[in-house]
Amino acid sequence: MRTEAGGWLRRALGAVRRMAGMPDYAAYLEHRRRHHPGEAVSGEREYYAEYVTARYGDSPTRCC
């Protein structure tokens, strides 16, 4: 029962992160394990850096 609750909570947090536009490193790892086995995986720090670059580009982000 406890494992089911933990799995549900993990999936719910992942969904909230995706809706908010936040990267989900655990989902990335799962995707790489399932669809690209044997290929190199970015570390967590590199993953977030790639996410920020993809989302905002190389230019500084400013609202004004």
PDB file of N, CA and C in Angstrom:
ATOM      1  N   MET A   1       0.828  -1.202   0.000  1.00  0.00           N
ATOM      2  CA  MET A   1       0.000   0.000   0.000  1.00  0.00           C
ATOM      3  C   MET A   1       0.863   1.254   0.000  1.00  0.00           C
ATOM      4  N   ARG A   2       1.917   1.256   0.795  1.00  0.00           N
ATOM      5  CA  ARG A   2       2.776   2.427   0.895  1.00  0.00           C
ATOM      6  C   ARG A   2       3.482   2.705  -0.439  1.00  0.00           C
ATOM      7  N   THR A   3       3.916   1.657  -1.124  1.00  0.00           N
ATOM      8  CA  THR A   3       4.576   1.812  -2.412  1.00  0.00           C
ATOM      9  C   THR A   3       3.623   2.420  -3.436  1.00  0.00           C
ATOM     10  N   GLU A   4       2.361   1.997  -3.415  1.00  0.00           N
ATOM     11  CA  GLU A   4       1.366   2.548  -4.334  1.00  0.00           C
ATOM     12  C   GLU A   4       1.176   4.043  -4.083  1.00  0.00           C
ATOM     13  N   ALA A   5       1.131   4.451  -2.820  1.00  0.00           N
ATOM     14  CA  ALA A   5       0.966   5.868  -2.491  1.00  0.00           C
ATOM     15  C   ALA A   5       2.185   6.670  -2.937  1.00  0.00           C
ATOM     16  N   GLY A   6       3.370   6.114  -2.769  1.00  0.00           N
ATOM     17  CA  GLY A   6       4.587   6.794  -3.201  1.00  0.00           C
ATOM     18  C   GLY A   6       4.635   6.940  -4.707  1.00  0.00           C
ATOM     19  N   GLY A   7       4.215   5.914  -5.429  1.00  0.00           N
ATOM     20  CA  GLY A   7       4.177   5.974  -6.886  1.00  0.00           C
ATOM     21  C   GLY A   7       3.170   6.998  -7.369  1.00  0.00           C
ATOM     22  N   TRP A   8       2.015   7.042  -6.726  1.00  0.00           N
ATOM     23  CA  TRP A   8       0.982   8.010  -7.091  1.00  0.00           C
ATOM     24  C   TRP A   8       1.482   9.428  -6.852  1.00  0.00           C
ATOM     25  N   LEU A   9       2.121   9.650  -5.720  1.00  0.00           N
ATOM     26  CA  LEU A   9       2.628  10.982  -5.390  1.00  0.00           C
ATOM     27  C   LEU A   9       3.717  11.402  -6.381  1.00  0.00           C
ATOM     28  N   ARG A  10       4.598  10.490  -6.723  1.00  0.00           N
ATOM     29  CA  ARG A  10       5.673  10.785  -7.678  1.00  0.00           C
ATOM     30  C   ARG A  10       5.097  11.160  -9.047  1.00  0.00           C
ATOM     31  N   ARG A  11       4.081  10.422  -9.492  1.00  0.00           N
ATOM     32  CA  ARG A  11       3.439  10.733 -10.777  1.00  0.00           C
ATOM     33  C   ARG A  11       2.711  12.077 -10.720  1.00  0.00           C
ATOM     34  N   ALA A  12       2.048  12.358  -9.599  1.00  0.00           N
ATOM     35  CA  ALA A  12       1.332  13.629  -9.450  1.00  0.00           C
ATOM     36  C   ALA A  12       2.308  14.807  -9.465  1.00  0.00           C
ATOM     37  N   LEU A  13       3.422  14.683  -8.777  1.00  0.00           N
ATOM     38  CA  LEU A  13       4.419  15.755  -8.776  1.00  0.00           C
ATOM     39  C   LEU A  13       5.017  15.950 -10.164  1.00  0.00           C
ATOM     40  N   GLY A  14       5.235  14.859 -10.874  1.00  0.00           N
ATOM     41  CA  GLY A  14       5.734  14.963 -12.247  1.00  0.00           C
ATOM     42  C   GLY A  14       4.755  15.707 -13.139  1.00  0.00           C
ATOM     43  N   ALA A  15       3.463  15.425 -12.975  1.00  0.00           N
ATOM     44  CA  ALA A  15       2.434  16.106 -13.766  1.00  0.00           C
ATOM     45  C   ALA A  15       2.397  17.594 -13.440  1.00  0.00           C
ATOM     46  N   VAL A  16       2.517  17.942 -12.175  1.00  0.00           N
ATOM     47  CA  VAL A  16       2.518  19.352 -11.769  1.00  0.00           C
ATOM     48  C   VAL A  16       3.736  20.061 -12.355  1.00  0.00           C
ATOM     49  N   ARG A  17       4.882  19.403 -12.315  1.00  0.00           N
ATOM     50  CA  ARG A  17       6.092  20.009 -12.892  1.00  0.00           C
ATOM     51  C   ARG A  17       5.916  20.266 -14.380  1.00  0.00           C
ATOM     52  N   ARG A  18       5.360  19.295 -15.091  1.00  0.00           N
ATOM     53  CA  ARG A  18       5.157  19.473 -16.536  1.00  0.00           C
ATOM     54  C   ARG A  18       4.182  20.613 -16.820  1.00  0.00           C
ATOM     55  N   MET A  19       3.111  20.720 -16.036  1.00  0.00           N
ATOM     56  CA  MET A  19       2.146  21.803 -16.238  1.00  0.00           C
ATOM     57  C   MET A  19       2.773  23.160 -15.957  1.00  0.00           C
ATOM     58  N   ALA A  20       3.687  23.215 -14.994  1.00  0.00           N
ATOM     59  CA  ALA A  20       4.347  24.469 -14.648  1.00  0.00           C
ATOM     60  C   ALA A  20       5.529  24.770 -15.560  1.00  0.00           C
ATOM     61  N   GLY A  21       5.869  23.824 -16.445  1.00  0.00           N
ATOM     62  CA  GLY A  21       6.981  24.039 -17.353  1.00  0.00           C
ATOM     63  C   GLY A  21       8.334  23.733 -16.747  1.00  0.00           C
ATOM     64  N   MET A  22       8.354  23.010 -15.647  1.00  0.00           N
ATOM     65  CA  MET A  22       9.608  22.653 -14.991  1.00  0.00           C
ATOM     66  C   MET A  22      10.115  21.325 -15.547  1.00  0.00           C
ATOM     67  N   PRO A  23      11.424  21.173 -15.642  1.00  0.00           N
ATOM     68  CA  PRO A  23      11.976  19.908 -16.130  1.00  0.00           C
ATOM     69  C   PRO A  23      11.812  18.801 -15.091  1.00  0.00           C
ATOM     70  N   ASP A  24      11.699  17.576 -15.547  1.00  0.00           N
ATOM     71  CA  ASP A  24      11.532  16.418 -14.666  1.00  0.00           C
ATOM     72  C   ASP A  24      12.646  15.424 -14.970  1.00  0.00           C
ATOM     73  N   TYR A  25      13.716  15.476 -14.189  1.00  0.00           N
ATOM     74  CA  TYR A  25      14.888  14.650 -14.437  1.00  0.00           C
ATOM     75  C   TYR A  25      14.567  13.162 -14.310  1.00  0.00           C
ATOM     76  N   ALA A  26      13.721  12.785 -13.373  1.00  0.00           N
ATOM     77  CA  ALA A  26      13.357  11.374 -13.206  1.00  0.00           C
ATOM     78  C   ALA A  26      12.642  10.851 -14.447  1.00  0.00           C
ATOM     79  N   ALA A  27      11.758  11.657 -15.023  1.00  0.00           N
ATOM     80  CA  ALA A  27      11.060  11.248 -16.245  1.00  0.00           C
ATOM     81  C   ALA A  27      12.045  11.138 -17.407  1.00  0.00           C
ATOM     82  N   TYR A  28      13.019  12.039 -17.450  1.00  0.00           N
ATOM     83  CA  TYR A  28      14.057  11.984 -18.478  1.00  0.00           C
ATOM     84  C   TYR A  28      14.846  10.686 -18.368  1.00  0.00           C
ATOM     85  N   LEU A  29      15.235  10.326 -17.153  1.00  0.00           N
ATOM     86  CA  LEU A  29      15.991   9.089 -16.960  1.00  0.00           C
ATOM     87  C   LEU A  29      15.178   7.871 -17.384  1.00  0.00           C
ATOM     88  N   GLU A  30      13.902   7.855 -17.031  1.00  0.00           N
ATOM     89  CA  GLU A  30      13.033   6.740 -17.402  1.00  0.00           C
ATOM     90  C   GLU A  30      12.892   6.645 -18.924  1.00  0.00           C
ATOM     91  N   HIS A  31      12.718   7.791 -19.573  1.00  0.00           N
ATOM     92  CA  HIS A  31      12.614   7.804 -21.034  1.00  0.00           C
ATOM     93  C   HIS A  31      13.896   7.276 -21.677  1.00  0.00           C
ATOM     94  N   ARG A  32      15.035   7.738 -21.197  1.00  0.00           N
ATOM     95  CA  ARG A  32      16.312   7.287 -21.761  1.00  0.00           C
ATOM     96  C   ARG A  32      16.504   5.788 -21.545  1.00  0.00           C
ATOM     97  N   ARG A  33      16.105   5.283 -20.370  1.00  0.00           N
ATOM     98  CA  ARG A  33      16.258   3.858 -20.071  1.00  0.00           C
ATOM     99  C   ARG A  33      15.390   3.018 -21.002  1.00  0.00           C
ATOM    100  N   ARG A  34      14.167   3.468 -21.257  1.00  0.00           N
ATOM    101  CA  ARG A  34      13.240   2.693 -22.085  1.00  0.00           C
ATOM    102  C   ARG A  34      13.522   2.804 -23.576  1.00  0.00           C
ATOM    103  N   HIS A  35      13.813   4.006 -24.050  1.00  0.00           N
ATOM    104  CA  HIS A  35      13.883   4.239 -25.489  1.00  0.00           C
ATOM    105  C   HIS A  35      15.298   4.339 -26.055  1.00  0.00           C
ATOM    106  N   HIS A  36      16.285   4.587 -25.218  1.00  0.00           N
ATOM    107  CA  HIS A  36      17.655   4.750 -25.693  1.00  0.00           C
ATOM    108  C   HIS A  36      18.633   3.985 -24.802  1.00  0.00           C
ATOM    109  N   PRO A  37      18.414   2.694 -24.594  1.00  0.00           N
ATOM    110  CA  PRO A  37      19.307   1.943 -23.705  1.00  0.00           C
ATOM    111  C   PRO A  37      20.728   1.891 -24.274  1.00  0.00           C
ATOM    112  N   GLY A  38      21.678   1.971 -23.400  1.00  0.00           N
ATOM    113  CA  GLY A  38      23.071   1.888 -23.809  1.00  0.00           C
ATOM    114  C   GLY A  38      23.680   3.215 -24.224  1.00  0.00           C
ATOM    115  N   GLU A  39      22.875   4.254 -24.431  1.00  0.00           N
ATOM    116  CA  GLU A  39      23.406   5.565 -24.783  1.00  0.00           C
ATOM    117  C   GLU A  39      23.757   6.338 -23.521  1.00  0.00           C
ATOM    118  N   ALA A  40      24.662   7.279 -23.669  1.00  0.00           N
ATOM    119  CA  ALA A  40      25.083   8.104 -22.528  1.00  0.00           C
ATOM    120  C   ALA A  40      23.916   8.966 -22.047  1.00  0.00           C
ATOM    121  N   VAL A  41      23.862   9.176 -20.738  1.00  0.00           N
ATOM    122  CA  VAL A  41      22.815   9.979 -20.121  1.00  0.00           C
ATOM    123  C   VAL A  41      23.454  11.217 -19.511  1.00  0.00           C
ATOM    124  N   SER A  42      22.844  12.371 -19.730  1.00  0.00           N
ATOM    125  CA  SER A  42      23.340  13.609 -19.136  1.00  0.00           C
ATOM    126  C   SER A  42      23.175  13.548 -17.625  1.00  0.00           C
ATOM    127  N   GLY A  43      24.118  14.148 -16.925  1.00  0.00           N
ATOM    128  CA  GLY A  43      23.982  14.292 -15.482  1.00  0.00           C
ATOM    129  C   GLY A  43      22.877  15.289 -15.179  1.00  0.00           C
ATOM    130  N   GLU A  44      22.456  15.341 -13.938  1.00  0.00           N
ATOM    131  CA  GLU A  44      21.345  16.214 -13.569  1.00  0.00           C
ATOM    132  C   GLU A  44      21.661  17.681 -13.856  1.00  0.00           C
ATOM    133  N   ARG A  45      22.854  18.106 -13.554  1.00  0.00           N
ATOM    134  CA  ARG A  45      23.247  19.492 -13.784  1.00  0.00           C
ATOM    135  C   ARG A  45      23.229  19.825 -15.277  1.00  0.00           C
ATOM    136  N   GLU A  46      23.762  18.928 -16.105  1.00  0.00           N
ATOM    137  CA  GLU A  46      23.775  19.139 -17.549  1.00  0.00           C
ATOM    138  C   GLU A  46      22.354  19.135 -18.117  1.00  0.00           C
ATOM    139  N   TYR A  47      21.513  18.259 -17.571  1.00  0.00           N
ATOM    140  CA  TYR A  47      20.126  18.180 -18.018  1.00  0.00           C
ATOM    141  C   TYR A  47      19.413  19.516 -17.802  1.00  0.00           C
ATOM    142  N   TYR A  48      19.554  20.100 -16.621  1.00  0.00           N
ATOM    143  CA  TYR A  48      18.903  21.373 -16.341  1.00  0.00           C
ATOM    144  C   TYR A  48      19.489  22.501 -17.191  1.00  0.00           C
ATOM    145  N   ALA A  49      20.799  22.482 -17.421  1.00  0.00           N
ATOM    146  CA  ALA A  49      21.429  23.500 -18.270  1.00  0.00           C
ATOM    147  C   ALA A  49      20.891  23.404 -19.697  1.00  0.00           C
ATOM    148  N   GLU A  50      20.746  22.189 -20.214  1.00  0.00           N
ATOM    149  CA  GLU A  50      20.187  21.999 -21.557  1.00  0.00           C
ATOM    150  C   GLU A  50      18.736  22.471 -21.609  1.00  0.00           C
ATOM    151  N   TYR A  51      17.990  22.211 -20.541  1.00  0.00           N
ATOM    152  CA  TYR A  51      16.594  22.639 -20.478  1.00  0.00           C
ATOM    153  C   TYR A  51      16.488  24.166 -20.529  1.00  0.00           C
ATOM    154  N   VAL A  52      17.299  24.841 -19.736  1.00  0.00           N
ATOM    155  CA  VAL A  52      17.252  26.304 -19.679  1.00  0.00           C
ATOM    156  C   VAL A  52      17.639  26.895 -21.035  1.00  0.00           C
ATOM    157  N   THR A  53      18.678  26.341 -21.664  1.00  0.00           N
ATOM    158  CA  THR A  53      19.098  26.826 -22.972  1.00  0.00           C
ATOM    159  C   THR A  53      18.004  26.602 -24.017  1.00  0.00           C
ATOM    160  N   ALA A  54      17.379  25.435 -23.991  1.00  0.00           N
ATOM    161  CA  ALA A  54      16.320  25.143 -24.953  1.00  0.00           C
ATOM    162  C   ALA A  54      15.109  26.048 -24.743  1.00  0.00           C
ATOM    163  N   ARG A  55      14.806  26.356 -23.504  1.00  0.00           N
ATOM    164  CA  ARG A  55      13.627  27.162 -23.220  1.00  0.00           C
ATOM    165  C   ARG A  55      13.857  28.651 -23.471  1.00  0.00           C
ATOM    166  N   TYR A  56      15.007  29.158 -23.048  1.00  0.00           N
ATOM    167  CA  TYR A  56      15.249  30.591 -23.099  1.00  0.00           C
ATOM    168  C   TYR A  56      16.292  31.008 -24.140  1.00  0.00           C
ATOM    169  N   GLY A  57      16.988  30.071 -24.738  1.00  0.00           N
ATOM    170  CA  GLY A  57      18.049  30.421 -25.674  1.00  0.00           C
ATOM    171  C   GLY A  57      19.279  30.886 -24.924  1.00  0.00           C
ATOM    172  N   ASP A  58      20.189  31.468 -25.627  1.00  0.00           N
ATOM    173  CA  ASP A  58      21.425  31.928 -25.006  1.00  0.00           C
ATOM    174  C   ASP A  58      21.349  33.373 -24.526  1.00  0.00           C
ATOM    175  N   SER A  59      20.272  34.062 -24.848  1.00  0.00           N
ATOM    176  CA  SER A  59      20.145  35.461 -24.457  1.00  0.00           C
ATOM    177  C   SER A  59      19.621  35.577 -23.034  1.00  0.00           C
ATOM    178  N   PRO A  60      19.927  36.678 -22.382  1.00  0.00           N
ATOM    179  CA  PRO A  60      19.396  36.881 -21.026  1.00  0.00           C
ATOM    180  C   PRO A  60      17.874  37.014 -21.057  1.00  0.00           C
ATOM    181  N   THR A  61      17.239  36.586 -20.017  1.00  0.00           N
ATOM    182  CA  THR A  61      15.781  36.681 -19.951  1.00  0.00           C
ATOM    183  C   THR A  61      15.407  37.937 -19.181  1.00  0.00           C
ATOM    184  N   ARG A  62      14.604  38.761 -19.815  1.00  0.00           N
ATOM    185  CA  ARG A  62      14.133  40.001 -19.187  1.00  0.00           C
ATOM    186  C   ARG A  62      12.691  40.228 -19.592  1.00  0.00           C
ATOM    187  N   CYS A  63      11.949  40.824 -18.739  1.00  0.00           N
ATOM    188  CA  CYS A  63      10.562  41.115 -19.090  1.00  0.00           C
ATOM    189  C   CYS A  63      10.426  42.524 -19.664  1.00  0.00           C
ATOM    190  N   CYS A  64      11.396  43.382 -19.407  1.00  0.00           N
ATOM    191  CA  CYS A  64      11.279  44.791 -19.842  1.00  0.00           C
ATOM    192  C   CYS A  64      12.457  45.220 -20.684  1.00  0.00           C
TER     193      CYS A  64
END
